[in-house]
Protein backbone atom coordinates (compact mmCIF):
# COMPACT_ATOMS: atom_id res chain seq x y z
CA MET A 1 -29.37 -28.36 -10.93
CA LYS A 2 -30.40 -26.77 -7.92
CA ALA A 3 -28.56 -23.46 -7.49
CA ASP A 4 -28.54 -21.18 -4.38
CA LYS A 5 -28.89 -18.05 -6.20
CA ILE A 6 -29.66 -17.19 -9.92
CA ILE A 7 -29.26 -13.56 -11.31
CA LYS A 8 -30.42 -12.50 -14.57
CA ASN A 9 -31.10 -9.13 -16.54
CA ALA A 10 -27.85 -7.90 -15.34
CA THR A 11 -24.82 -5.95 -16.75
CA ILE A 12 -22.02 -8.04 -15.95
CA PHE A 13 -18.34 -7.36 -16.15
CA THR A 14 -16.62 -10.40 -15.66
CA SER A 15 -12.91 -9.60 -15.74
CA ASN A 16 -12.54 -12.71 -18.00
CA GLN A 17 -10.98 -11.85 -21.36
CA ALA A 18 -12.40 -15.10 -22.87
CA MET A 19 -16.05 -13.75 -21.80
CA PRO A 20 -15.54 -10.05 -20.67
CA GLN A 21 -19.40 -9.58 -20.45
CA ALA A 22 -22.50 -11.66 -19.55
CA THR A 23 -26.11 -11.12 -18.45
CA ALA A 24 -26.65 -13.96 -15.90
CA LEU A 25 -25.09 -16.10 -13.39
CA ALA A 26 -25.84 -19.08 -11.07
CA VAL A 27 -24.23 -19.67 -7.55
CA LYS A 28 -24.12 -22.83 -5.44
CA ASP A 29 -21.92 -23.50 -2.62
CA GLY A 30 -20.29 -20.25 -2.83
CA LYS A 31 -18.98 -21.04 -6.47
CA PHE A 32 -20.15 -19.43 -9.66
CA VAL A 33 -21.65 -22.70 -11.46
CA TYR A 34 -22.92 -20.55 -14.40
CA VAL A 35 -21.82 -17.50 -16.09
CA GLY A 36 -23.38 -16.32 -19.67
CA GLU A 37 -26.64 -15.32 -21.29
CA GLU A 38 -30.06 -15.79 -19.94
CA ALA A 39 -30.63 -18.76 -21.91
CA GLY A 40 -28.27 -20.75 -20.12
CA LEU A 41 -30.25 -20.51 -16.86
CA ALA A 42 -32.83 -22.87 -18.17
CA ASP A 43 -30.45 -25.69 -16.55
CA TYR A 44 -30.80 -24.42 -13.01
CA GLU A 45 -33.53 -24.15 -10.63
CA GLY A 46 -34.18 -21.77 -7.81
CA GLU A 47 -35.31 -18.49 -7.20
CA VAL A 48 -34.50 -15.81 -9.62
CA THR A 49 -33.44 -12.33 -9.28
CA ASP A 50 -34.36 -9.83 -11.97
CA LEU A 51 -31.64 -6.90 -11.73
CA GLY A 52 -32.95 -4.80 -13.99
CA GLY A 53 -29.81 -4.10 -15.70
CA LYS A 54 -27.98 -3.25 -12.68
CA PHE A 55 -23.98 -3.62 -12.97
CA ILE A 56 -22.00 -6.36 -11.50
CA MET A 57 -18.09 -6.79 -11.15
CA PRO A 58 -15.84 -9.15 -9.49
CA GLY A 59 -15.07 -8.59 -5.54
CA ILE A 60 -12.03 -6.05 -5.18
CA ILE A 61 -8.60 -6.93 -4.64
CA ASP A 62 -6.61 -4.33 -2.92
CA SER A 63 -3.07 -5.38 -3.75
CA HIS A 64 -1.05 -3.45 -1.22
CA VAL A 65 -2.40 -2.25 2.09
CA HIS A 66 -1.22 -2.23 5.82
CA VAL A 67 -3.48 -4.08 7.99
CA SER A 68 -0.85 -4.81 11.04
CA LEU A 69 0.53 -1.33 10.22
CA GLY A 70 -2.94 0.21 10.42
CA VAL A 71 -3.74 -1.36 13.78
CA GLY A 72 -0.35 0.56 14.96
CA PHE A 73 -1.40 3.97 13.52
CA GLU A 74 -4.98 3.33 14.94
CA TYR A 75 -3.30 3.62 18.50
CA THR A 76 -0.63 6.23 17.64
CA ASP A 77 -1.26 9.63 18.52
CA PHE A 78 0.48 12.15 15.75
CA GLY A 79 0.35 14.97 18.56
CA VAL A 80 -0.36 18.74 17.90
CA TYR A 81 -0.01 20.06 14.51
CA VAL A 82 2.81 22.65 14.43
CA GLU A 83 1.39 25.88 12.98
CA CYS A 84 4.40 27.86 11.66
CA SER A 85 5.87 29.24 8.56
CA ASN A 86 9.65 28.96 9.41
CA LYS A 87 11.87 27.18 11.92
CA LYS A 88 11.63 29.81 14.91
CA GLU A 89 7.94 29.96 14.62
CA ALA A 90 7.99 26.10 14.93
CA MET A 91 10.40 26.05 17.95
CA ASP A 92 8.34 28.87 19.76
CA PHE A 93 4.90 27.02 19.17
CA MET A 94 6.36 23.66 20.61
CA ALA A 95 8.04 25.59 23.71
CA GLU A 96 4.85 27.33 24.46
CA TYR A 97 2.92 24.17 24.18
CA VAL A 98 5.25 22.31 26.53
CA LYS A 99 5.15 25.43 29.05
CA ASP A 100 1.63 25.20 29.00
CA HIS A 101 1.12 21.51 29.53
CA PRO A 102 3.74 20.51 32.16
CA GLY A 103 4.43 17.16 33.25
CA MET A 104 3.39 15.03 30.13
CA ASP A 105 5.75 11.81 29.73
CA ARG A 106 5.63 12.31 25.81
CA TYR A 107 4.96 15.53 23.96
CA ARG A 108 4.10 14.66 20.36
CA PHE A 109 4.00 17.18 17.52
CA GLU A 110 3.37 16.81 13.62
CA LEU A 111 5.34 19.17 11.32
CA GLU A 112 5.57 19.81 7.75
CA ARG A 113 9.29 19.41 6.93
CA ASP A 114 8.82 21.98 4.04
CA LEU A 115 7.99 24.54 6.66
CA LEU A 116 11.33 24.72 8.00
CA ASN A 117 12.77 26.22 4.61
CA GLY A 118 15.64 23.97 4.48
CA GLU A 119 16.82 24.19 8.10
CA THR A 120 16.98 21.57 10.23
CA ILE A 121 16.26 20.61 14.08
CA VAL A 122 18.75 19.00 16.48
CA LYS A 123 18.24 17.30 19.67
CA GLU A 124 20.00 20.00 21.70
CA GLU A 125 17.42 22.44 20.70
CA LEU A 126 14.45 20.14 21.66
CA ASP A 127 16.42 19.47 24.75
CA ALA A 128 16.27 23.32 25.60
CA ILE A 129 12.47 22.88 25.21
CA CYS A 130 11.99 19.94 27.05
CA PRO A 131 14.91 18.25 29.05
CA ASP A 132 13.49 16.14 31.30
CA ASN A 133 10.44 14.43 29.60
CA GLU A 134 10.15 12.88 25.92
CA LEU A 135 9.60 14.74 22.83
CA LEU A 136 8.92 13.73 19.44
CA ILE A 137 8.13 15.42 16.36
CA LEU A 138 6.68 13.43 13.50
CA GLU A 139 7.35 14.76 9.87
CA SER A 140 3.85 14.63 8.16
CA GLU A 141 4.57 11.83 5.63
CA ALA A 142 5.32 9.58 8.69
CA HIS A 143 8.86 8.48 7.39
CA SER A 144 10.92 10.34 9.68
CA VAL A 145 10.95 12.01 13.16
CA TRP A 146 12.98 14.50 15.52
CA VAL A 147 13.47 13.42 19.00
CA ASN A 148 15.13 14.61 22.03
CA SER A 149 17.93 13.16 24.03
CA VAL A 150 15.49 11.59 26.58
CA ILE A 151 14.03 9.32 23.88
CA LEU A 152 17.52 8.50 22.49
CA LYS A 153 18.73 7.42 25.74
CA LYS A 154 15.72 5.43 26.49
CA HIS A 155 16.31 3.37 23.40
CA GLY A 156 20.02 3.24 23.87
CA ILE A 157 21.03 5.12 20.75
CA THR A 158 24.37 6.77 20.55
CA ASP A 159 26.98 7.99 18.39
CA ASP A 160 28.34 4.47 17.76
CA THR A 161 24.63 2.92 16.82
CA PRO A 162 24.88 1.63 13.11
CA ASP A 163 22.28 2.82 10.91
CA ILE A 164 19.97 0.12 9.64
CA VAL A 165 20.51 0.96 5.92
CA PRO A 166 23.02 3.76 5.46
CA GLY A 167 21.41 6.66 3.58
CA LEU A 168 17.97 5.32 3.65
CA SER A 169 16.94 4.07 7.26
CA TYR A 170 19.36 5.84 9.16
CA TYR A 171 20.46 8.26 12.16
CA VAL A 172 21.42 11.71 11.00
CA ARG A 173 24.74 12.70 12.25
CA LYS A 174 26.67 15.82 12.56
CA ASP A 175 30.54 16.05 13.20
CA GLY A 176 29.78 11.87 14.19
CA HIS A 177 27.10 12.83 16.52
CA VAL A 178 23.48 11.71 16.26
CA THR A 179 21.37 14.61 16.05
CA GLY A 180 18.02 13.59 16.84
CA ASN A 181 16.63 13.22 13.25
CA VAL A 182 15.75 9.94 12.17
CA TYR A 183 14.65 8.46 9.00
CA GLU A 184 12.75 5.62 7.68
CA SER A 185 12.32 2.39 9.56
CA ALA A 186 14.90 3.48 12.11
CA ALA A 187 12.43 6.16 13.24
CA TRP A 188 9.47 3.75 13.69
CA ARG A 189 10.95 2.22 16.76
CA PHE A 190 10.50 5.75 18.38
CA LEU A 191 6.85 6.48 16.94
CA PHE A 192 5.36 3.14 17.79
CA ASP A 193 7.33 2.27 20.98
CA HIS A 194 3.99 2.45 22.96
CA LEU A 195 2.59 -0.41 21.11
CA LYS A 196 4.22 -2.91 23.39
CA ASN A 197 1.49 -2.47 25.83
CA LEU A 198 -1.25 -2.96 23.27
CA SER A 199 -4.05 -5.21 24.34
CA ASP A 200 -5.77 -8.19 22.81
CA GLU A 201 -9.04 -5.90 22.94
CA GLN A 202 -7.47 -3.05 21.19
CA ILE A 203 -6.26 -5.26 18.45
CA GLU A 204 -9.68 -6.94 18.03
CA ALA A 205 -11.14 -3.45 17.92
CA ALA A 206 -9.03 -2.04 15.26
CA VAL A 207 -9.09 -5.42 12.90
CA THR A 208 -12.86 -5.31 13.57
CA ARG A 209 -12.99 -1.91 11.95
CA TRP A 210 -10.55 -2.91 9.08
CA ILE A 211 -12.78 -5.83 8.18
CA ASP A 212 -15.94 -3.62 8.39
CA ASP A 213 -14.72 -1.15 6.02
CA SER A 214 -13.10 -3.70 3.79
CA VAL A 215 -16.45 -5.38 3.38
CA LYS A 216 -18.25 -2.00 2.97
CA PHE A 217 -16.27 -1.19 0.04
CA GLY A 218 -16.55 -4.57 -1.24
CA VAL A 219 -12.88 -5.73 -0.88
CA SER A 220 -12.70 -9.32 -0.76
CA CYS A 221 -9.10 -9.94 -0.83
CA VAL A 222 -5.98 -7.89 0.16
CA PHE A 223 -2.11 -8.19 0.27
CA ASP A 224 -1.00 -6.85 3.39
CA ALA A 225 2.58 -5.10 3.23
CA GLY A 226 3.58 -5.60 6.63
CA PHE A 227 4.80 -3.71 9.79
CA PRO A 228 8.55 -3.02 9.63
CA GLU A 229 10.73 -3.29 12.62
CA HIS A 230 7.83 -4.38 14.73
CA ASP A 231 7.43 -8.28 14.02
CA GLU A 232 5.84 -8.73 17.62
CA ILE A 233 2.58 -6.70 16.69
CA HIS A 234 2.68 -7.78 13.19
CA GLU A 235 2.66 -11.26 14.25
CA ARG A 236 -0.07 -10.78 16.99
CA VAL A 237 -2.37 -9.37 14.20
CA TYR A 238 -1.95 -12.28 12.22
CA ARG A 239 -2.49 -14.84 15.06
CA TYR A 240 -5.67 -13.07 15.74
CA LEU A 241 -6.82 -13.24 12.09
CA ARG A 242 -5.80 -16.79 12.13
CA ASP A 243 -8.04 -17.49 15.10
CA LEU A 244 -10.69 -15.30 13.59
CA ASP A 245 -10.76 -17.63 10.48
CA ARG A 246 -10.86 -20.83 12.39
CA GLN A 247 -13.89 -19.51 13.77
CA GLY A 248 -15.40 -18.90 10.29
CA LYS A 249 -15.32 -15.06 11.11
CA LEU A 250 -12.77 -13.94 8.74
CA PRO A 251 -14.59 -12.86 5.51
CA VAL A 252 -11.65 -11.06 3.74
CA TYR A 253 -8.83 -13.02 2.04
CA VAL A 254 -5.70 -11.66 3.66
CA ASP A 255 -2.36 -12.45 1.85
CA GLY A 256 0.32 -11.65 4.29
CA CYS A 257 4.03 -11.26 4.45
CA TYR A 258 7.00 -11.08 6.40
CA THR A 259 8.99 -7.74 6.26
CA LEU A 260 12.93 -7.53 5.90
CA THR A 261 14.66 -4.25 6.74
CA ARG A 262 18.24 -5.14 7.48
CA PRO A 263 20.10 -6.49 4.54
CA GLU A 264 22.44 -8.83 6.77
CA LYS A 265 19.42 -10.62 8.00
CA MET A 266 18.25 -11.88 4.58
CA LYS A 267 19.03 -15.73 5.41
CA GLU A 268 17.23 -15.30 8.86
CA ALA A 269 14.06 -13.40 6.93
CA VAL A 270 13.57 -16.33 4.73
CA GLU A 271 13.64 -18.80 7.33
CA GLU A 272 11.04 -16.55 9.50
CA LEU A 273 8.80 -16.36 6.25
CA LYS A 274 8.84 -20.09 6.15
CA ARG A 275 7.68 -20.31 9.59
CA TYR A 276 4.70 -17.68 9.00
CA GLN A 277 3.81 -19.87 5.97
CA ARG A 278 3.35 -23.00 8.08
CA GLU A 279 1.71 -21.02 11.10
CA PHE A 280 -0.59 -18.65 9.21
CA ASN A 281 -2.35 -21.20 6.88
CA THR A 282 -6.06 -21.07 6.94
CA GLU A 283 -8.74 -20.60 4.32
CA HIS A 284 -8.59 -16.88 4.28
CA LEU A 285 -4.98 -16.18 5.61
CA LYS A 286 -1.76 -17.24 3.76
CA VAL A 287 1.82 -16.09 3.93
CA HIS A 288 4.17 -16.68 1.44
CA THR A 289 5.83 -13.22 0.59
CA LEU A 290 8.87 -11.24 1.52
CA LYS A 291 8.49 -7.60 1.92
CA ILE A 292 11.25 -5.33 1.55
CA PHE A 293 11.24 -1.37 1.76
CA MET A 294 13.88 -1.07 -1.11
CA ASP A 295 13.77 2.71 -0.97
CA GLY A 296 11.92 5.67 0.84
CA THR A 297 9.78 8.84 -0.21
CA LEU A 298 10.43 11.67 -2.96
CA LYS A 299 9.45 14.45 -0.46
CA ILE A 300 12.31 13.54 2.18
CA GLN A 301 14.41 12.54 -0.58
CA THR A 302 15.00 8.99 0.70
CA ALA A 303 13.59 7.54 -2.63
CA ALA A 304 16.69 6.38 -4.70
CA LEU A 305 16.87 8.04 -7.96
CA ILE A 306 19.30 7.80 -11.07
CA THR A 307 19.06 11.71 -11.85
CA PRO A 308 19.61 13.55 -8.67
CA TYR A 309 17.28 15.53 -6.83
CA GLU A 310 17.15 19.09 -8.12
CA ASP A 311 17.83 21.00 -5.01
CA THR A 312 20.38 18.94 -2.91
CA GLY A 313 21.94 16.60 -5.70
CA ALA A 314 21.16 13.54 -3.43
CA THR A 315 20.33 10.47 -5.08
CA GLY A 316 18.69 8.39 -2.24
CA ALA A 317 19.76 4.83 -1.19
CA THR A 318 18.46 1.29 -1.43
CA THR A 319 18.40 -1.71 0.73
CA PHE A 320 19.96 -3.75 -1.81
CA GLU A 321 21.80 -3.55 -5.11
CA LYS A 322 21.21 -5.74 -8.05
CA GLU A 323 23.55 -8.71 -6.73
CA GLY A 324 21.88 -8.76 -3.52
CA ILE A 325 18.50 -9.10 -5.05
CA ALA A 326 19.51 -11.84 -7.32
CA GLU A 327 20.94 -14.06 -4.45
CA LEU A 328 17.75 -13.38 -2.29
CA LEU A 329 15.47 -14.36 -5.46
CA LYS A 330 17.66 -17.59 -5.57
CA LEU A 331 16.89 -18.26 -2.04
CA LEU A 332 13.45 -17.64 -2.38
CA ASN A 333 12.89 -19.54 -5.72
CA GLU A 334 14.56 -22.51 -3.82
CA VAL A 335 11.51 -22.77 -1.35
CA GLY A 336 8.75 -21.45 -3.45
CA LEU A 337 8.14 -18.05 -1.92
CA ASP A 338 7.58 -14.74 -3.41
CA LEU A 339 8.96 -11.24 -3.24
CA HIS A 340 7.15 -7.82 -2.95
CA LEU A 341 9.10 -4.44 -2.71
CA HIS A 342 8.49 -0.84 -1.95
CA THR A 343 9.94 1.03 -4.78
CA VAL A 344 9.19 4.62 -5.16
CA GLY A 345 12.22 6.03 -7.43
CA GLU A 346 13.37 4.91 -10.55
CA ARG A 347 16.80 3.84 -9.19
CA ALA A 348 14.85 1.33 -6.87
CA SER A 349 12.88 -0.46 -9.40
CA HIS A 350 15.71 -0.19 -12.02
CA ILE A 351 17.84 -2.49 -9.54
CA ILE A 352 14.82 -4.97 -9.02
CA LEU A 353 14.57 -5.48 -12.74
CA ASP A 354 18.33 -5.98 -13.14
CA GLY A 355 18.33 -8.48 -10.00
CA VAL A 356 15.46 -10.34 -11.75
CA GLU A 357 17.28 -10.50 -15.11
CA MET A 358 20.30 -11.99 -13.19
CA ALA A 359 18.46 -14.38 -11.32
CA LYS A 360 16.38 -15.67 -14.55
CA LYS A 361 19.60 -16.11 -16.68
CA GLU A 362 21.02 -18.26 -14.19
CA LEU A 363 17.73 -20.26 -13.22
CA GLY A 364 16.21 -20.34 -16.59
CA ASP A 365 12.73 -22.00 -16.84
CA ASP A 366 12.84 -22.94 -13.03
CA PHE A 367 12.57 -19.48 -11.86
CA ARG A 368 9.03 -19.16 -10.32
CA VAL A 369 9.18 -16.16 -7.90
CA LYS A 370 6.59 -13.71 -8.24
CA VAL A 371 8.09 -10.52 -8.09
CA THR A 372 5.79 -7.12 -7.36
CA CYS A 373 7.27 -3.58 -7.48
CA ALA A 374 4.75 -1.17 -5.56
CA HIS A 375 3.96 2.41 -5.92
CA LEU A 376 6.46 3.51 -8.77
CA GLU A 377 6.14 7.11 -8.76
CA ILE A 378 8.89 7.67 -11.01
CA GLN A 379 10.40 5.04 -13.43
CA ASP A 380 12.99 5.28 -16.09
CA ASP A 381 12.21 5.18 -19.77
CA ALA A 382 14.15 2.21 -20.51
CA ASP A 383 12.67 0.24 -17.96
CA ILE A 384 9.08 0.59 -19.09
CA LYS A 385 9.00 -2.44 -21.32
CA ARG A 386 11.30 -4.54 -19.05
CA PHE A 387 8.25 -5.37 -16.45
CA ALA A 388 6.55 -7.22 -19.18
CA GLU A 389 9.46 -8.97 -20.56
CA LEU A 390 10.80 -9.83 -16.98
CA GLY A 391 7.22 -10.84 -15.67
CA VAL A 392 7.43 -8.42 -12.85
CA PHE A 393 4.01 -7.13 -11.46
CA ALA A 394 3.65 -3.50 -11.21
CA ASP A 395 1.49 -2.34 -8.44
CA TYR A 396 0.41 1.16 -8.42
CA THR A 397 -1.55 3.66 -5.60
CA PRO A 398 -3.63 5.56 -7.88
CA TRP A 399 -4.97 7.86 -5.57
CA TRP A 400 -1.68 9.32 -5.51
CA HIS A 401 -1.70 10.22 -9.11
CA ALA A 402 -3.15 13.40 -8.81
CA GLY A 403 0.39 14.54 -7.58
CA ASN A 404 0.14 12.96 -4.04
CA MET A 405 0.15 16.20 -1.92
CA GLY A 406 -2.30 18.56 -2.73
CA GLY A 407 -2.51 22.20 -3.77
CA GLU A 408 0.05 22.52 -6.88
CA PRO A 409 1.80 19.46 -6.94
CA ILE A 410 3.25 20.14 -10.39
CA LYS A 411 5.14 22.94 -9.09
CA ALA A 412 6.68 21.24 -6.39
CA TRP A 413 7.64 18.42 -8.05
CA ARG A 414 9.10 20.57 -10.67
CA GLU A 415 11.48 21.95 -7.89
CA LEU A 416 12.41 18.69 -6.62
CA LEU A 417 12.74 16.61 -9.57
CA GLY A 418 12.92 18.95 -13.04
CA GLU A 419 10.75 19.33 -15.60
CA LYS A 420 11.22 16.12 -17.57
CA ARG A 421 10.48 13.74 -14.26
CA ALA A 422 7.90 15.96 -12.83
CA LEU A 423 5.74 15.69 -16.00
CA SER A 424 6.22 12.12 -16.67
CA MET A 425 5.17 10.48 -13.06
CA TYR A 426 2.75 7.72 -12.13
CA ARG A 427 2.98 5.90 -15.80
CA CYS A 428 0.63 2.91 -15.11
CA LYS A 429 -1.09 3.44 -18.49
CA SER A 430 2.30 3.03 -20.29
CA LEU A 431 2.91 -0.13 -18.53
CA MET A 432 -0.26 -1.81 -19.00
CA ASP A 433 -0.16 -0.85 -22.77
CA SER A 434 3.47 -2.58 -22.75
CA GLY A 435 1.97 -5.73 -21.53
CA ALA A 436 2.72 -5.83 -17.85
CA VAL A 437 0.37 -7.15 -15.26
CA VAL A 438 -0.58 -3.82 -13.72
CA THR A 439 -2.50 -3.88 -10.32
CA PHE A 440 -3.92 -1.16 -8.00
CA SER A 441 -3.88 -0.77 -4.17
CA SER A 442 -4.43 1.90 -1.60
CA ASP A 443 -1.31 1.66 0.60
CA GLU A 444 -3.32 2.83 3.35
CA VAL A 445 -2.41 2.90 7.16
CA PHE A 446 -5.68 4.80 8.20
CA PHE A 447 -8.64 2.79 8.01
CA GLY A 448 -11.40 5.03 6.63
CA ASP A 449 -12.34 6.77 3.48
CA ASN A 450 -8.86 6.71 1.70
CA TRP A 451 -8.86 2.95 2.05
CA SER A 452 -11.88 3.18 -0.83
CA PRO A 453 -10.80 1.63 -4.00
CA TYR A 454 -13.58 4.07 -5.59
CA LEU A 455 -11.04 6.85 -4.62
CA GLY A 456 -8.29 5.18 -6.47
CA MET A 457 -10.65 4.36 -9.33
CA GLU A 458 -11.55 8.23 -9.83
CA VAL A 459 -7.83 9.50 -9.51
CA GLY A 460 -6.41 6.72 -11.70
CA MET A 461 -8.85 8.03 -14.49
CA THR A 462 -8.60 11.72 -13.73
CA ARG A 463 -5.43 12.51 -11.89
CA HIS A 464 -7.31 15.10 -10.36
CA ILE A 465 -8.95 15.42 -6.71
CA THR A 466 -11.60 17.96 -7.30
CA ASP A 467 -14.50 19.28 -4.71
CA LYS A 468 -16.36 16.53 -5.90
CA THR A 469 -14.12 13.46 -5.05
CA LYS A 470 -14.49 12.12 -1.55
CA ALA A 471 -11.14 12.62 -0.17
CA LEU A 472 -9.49 14.83 2.47
CA GLU A 473 -9.93 18.48 1.92
CA HIS A 474 -6.17 19.17 2.14
CA SER A 475 -5.38 16.73 -0.85
CA ARG A 476 -7.69 18.55 -3.37
CA THR A 477 -5.62 19.87 -6.34
CA ASN A 478 -5.75 22.91 -8.75
CA GLU A 479 -5.69 20.75 -12.12
CA ALA A 480 -5.09 17.53 -13.26
CA TYR A 481 -1.78 15.90 -13.10
CA PRO A 482 -0.21 15.60 -16.36
CA PRO A 483 0.39 13.70 -18.97
CA GLU A 484 -3.31 13.13 -19.97
CA SER A 485 -1.90 10.06 -21.85
CA GLU A 486 -1.53 8.36 -18.49
CA GLN A 487 -5.12 8.47 -17.50
CA MET A 488 -6.67 5.06 -17.14
CA SER A 489 -10.07 3.88 -18.38
CA ILE A 490 -12.58 2.44 -16.16
CA GLU A 491 -12.23 -0.91 -17.84
CA GLU A 492 -8.37 -0.66 -16.92
CA MET A 493 -8.86 0.24 -13.44
CA LEU A 494 -11.48 -2.71 -13.05
CA LEU A 495 -8.97 -5.14 -14.33
CA GLY A 496 -6.06 -4.00 -12.13
CA TYR A 497 -8.36 -4.11 -9.16
CA THR A 498 -9.55 -7.57 -10.00
CA ILE A 499 -8.04 -10.43 -11.96
CA ASN A 500 -4.63 -8.75 -12.46
CA GLY A 501 -4.56 -8.52 -8.49
CA ALA A 502 -5.46 -12.20 -8.25
CA LYS A 503 -2.50 -13.17 -10.56
CA GLN A 504 -0.08 -11.10 -8.23
CA LEU A 505 -1.34 -12.82 -5.09
CA GLY A 506 -1.28 -16.21 -7.00
CA ILE A 507 -5.11 -16.94 -6.38
CA GLU A 508 -6.30 -16.30 -9.91
CA ALA A 509 -7.60 -20.02 -10.19
CA ALA A 510 -10.25 -19.02 -7.66
CA LYS A 511 -10.56 -15.53 -7.35
CA GLY A 512 -10.57 -12.15 -9.28
CA SER A 513 -13.10 -12.78 -12.10
CA ILE A 514 -16.46 -13.85 -12.46
CA GLU A 515 -16.05 -17.21 -14.01
CA THR A 516 -17.65 -20.86 -13.55
CA GLY A 517 -15.73 -22.67 -10.70
CA LYS A 518 -14.41 -19.60 -8.96
CA ASP A 519 -15.48 -18.22 -5.81
CA ALA A 520 -18.58 -16.27 -6.17
CA ASP A 521 -17.21 -12.91 -4.76
CA PHE A 522 -19.13 -10.11 -6.60
CA LEU A 523 -20.54 -6.65 -6.23
CA VAL A 524 -23.89 -5.26 -7.34
CA PHE A 525 -24.04 -1.63 -8.22
CA ASP A 526 -27.12 0.48 -9.05
CA THR A 527 -25.04 2.83 -11.54
CA ASP A 528 -22.94 1.21 -14.25
CA LEU A 529 -19.45 1.81 -13.59
CA ARG A 530 -18.23 1.70 -17.26
CA THR A 531 -20.86 4.92 -18.04
CA ALA A 532 -20.33 6.67 -14.51
CA GLU A 533 -18.92 10.38 -14.38
CA HIS A 534 -15.41 10.36 -13.57
CA ASP A 535 -15.24 13.29 -11.50
CA GLY A 536 -16.92 12.17 -8.28
CA PHE A 537 -16.56 8.46 -8.98
CA SER A 538 -15.07 8.17 -5.49
CA ASN A 539 -18.79 8.62 -3.83
CA LEU A 540 -19.97 5.59 -5.80
CA GLY A 541 -20.29 2.12 -3.79
CA PRO A 542 -22.08 -1.32 -4.10
CA SER A 543 -25.56 -1.65 -2.98
CA GLU A 544 -25.06 -5.45 -2.73
CA ILE A 545 -21.84 -7.38 -1.56
CA TYR A 546 -21.31 -11.09 -1.87
CA PHE A 547 -18.46 -13.01 -0.57
CA THR A 548 -18.33 -16.56 -1.58
CA GLY A 549 -21.87 -16.37 -2.41
CA LYS A 550 -22.81 -15.20 0.93
CA LYS A 551 -24.64 -11.72 1.25
CA MET A 552 -22.33 -9.41 3.45
CA ASN A 553 -24.68 -6.28 3.73
């Protein structure tokens, strides 16, 4: 048989359990037509490349990224970083800045909530600084804001405005009055309100940058986790991706979603998802998944816990309870769609598992929804085995596994979560050992180095960000995050970034492993990833990149 490409003398990690390793492969018409030992190449004709033992792996699958949201962040000014050690210094800093820069339409600042030392900021204080122009402060994790009265009035927010999800996506109130502090997706209408003026050219430029970064890292497939409360921009990005694919210019496979933030719109969301499935259905763009922010984040205590936060006694809130999840799963099951959820706290994933169990008991063998819980920073001991038992995918963001804050995260998490939970976070190894299908992702919203799967691989293996790690300076940690038993092997990381991701996306018949008949997505490295030094692993990258047999670099 005439082949388009023949490779021998390679070290091939196939991600195929039936044949984990090989030394040779052949490609024709964008597919692997042979994978095995060199003797089998006798049946193929064509130019043969001797790789001299170089390492090959499948194309990488990032199972939870934010393409459309990344476009939003690309054109969002986070503002001036507030340098302070307490609330008074923060207010003085902002007041001085406004005074020195008169006449701006909107003043934007970024503030670490911890620097307020437990105090809060209310709109009246911001009005005193800036009564006539807009003023917005972004909490540094980008999950909450403070705004002045001008912005609240612009968006029609009053004391009577209902919360999107009480206790999760909501307007902080005092004595029944909105304070200007807003959490989660309720805050994003203010943060991203300028995007209504985004041009087609800006979308094109941002998406082009994302594609270039993905190709550079060898990411051949992604799951896009959506842009909550901004359906118009989200759909515009998908329309551009669709048009790009129709022109043969979208090399990365995008598995998209429709995002639900308001529980009362569950049935409407399913109908919208069905529309997305019809309208965005090209070779490299498919949409069949509903995405839900089930809870928030630990740092601002919107993540849902079973045992309360140590300092406040709060437990966070969830978008649905188990009965609502079971009802939603039955709706999705009826039309053959899937569910992907942001689940940081242990109560969020516990509710999902309970909801899946309820739906499966009612539907039995007819249940076919692929359910994925993403992030999973904390999990209840009793739920570790349930992922495998219920067939729920567990998607982790491994570059967080050094503590997700830099410096001394162990100390910070102890204060917030208590000793037991602080020392048992990010338990992807336990889940994989239990038989669960574990996948890995970047959850990145800023196109750039943090998008790199090699950063995720390094931190997944070391649970440490050192001077050798290719990561932002402020994310470096003083020691490896415990427990050591949760450190992953490179083989486990590779499986999570390849075949397991393909299973999550439902594309394992064509993607995720180097097997005869599958798309020829593969990466060539000068270094054997299986024996590379873990510390500094994030500096590695492929020397050659092939998507469907086509060389991309």
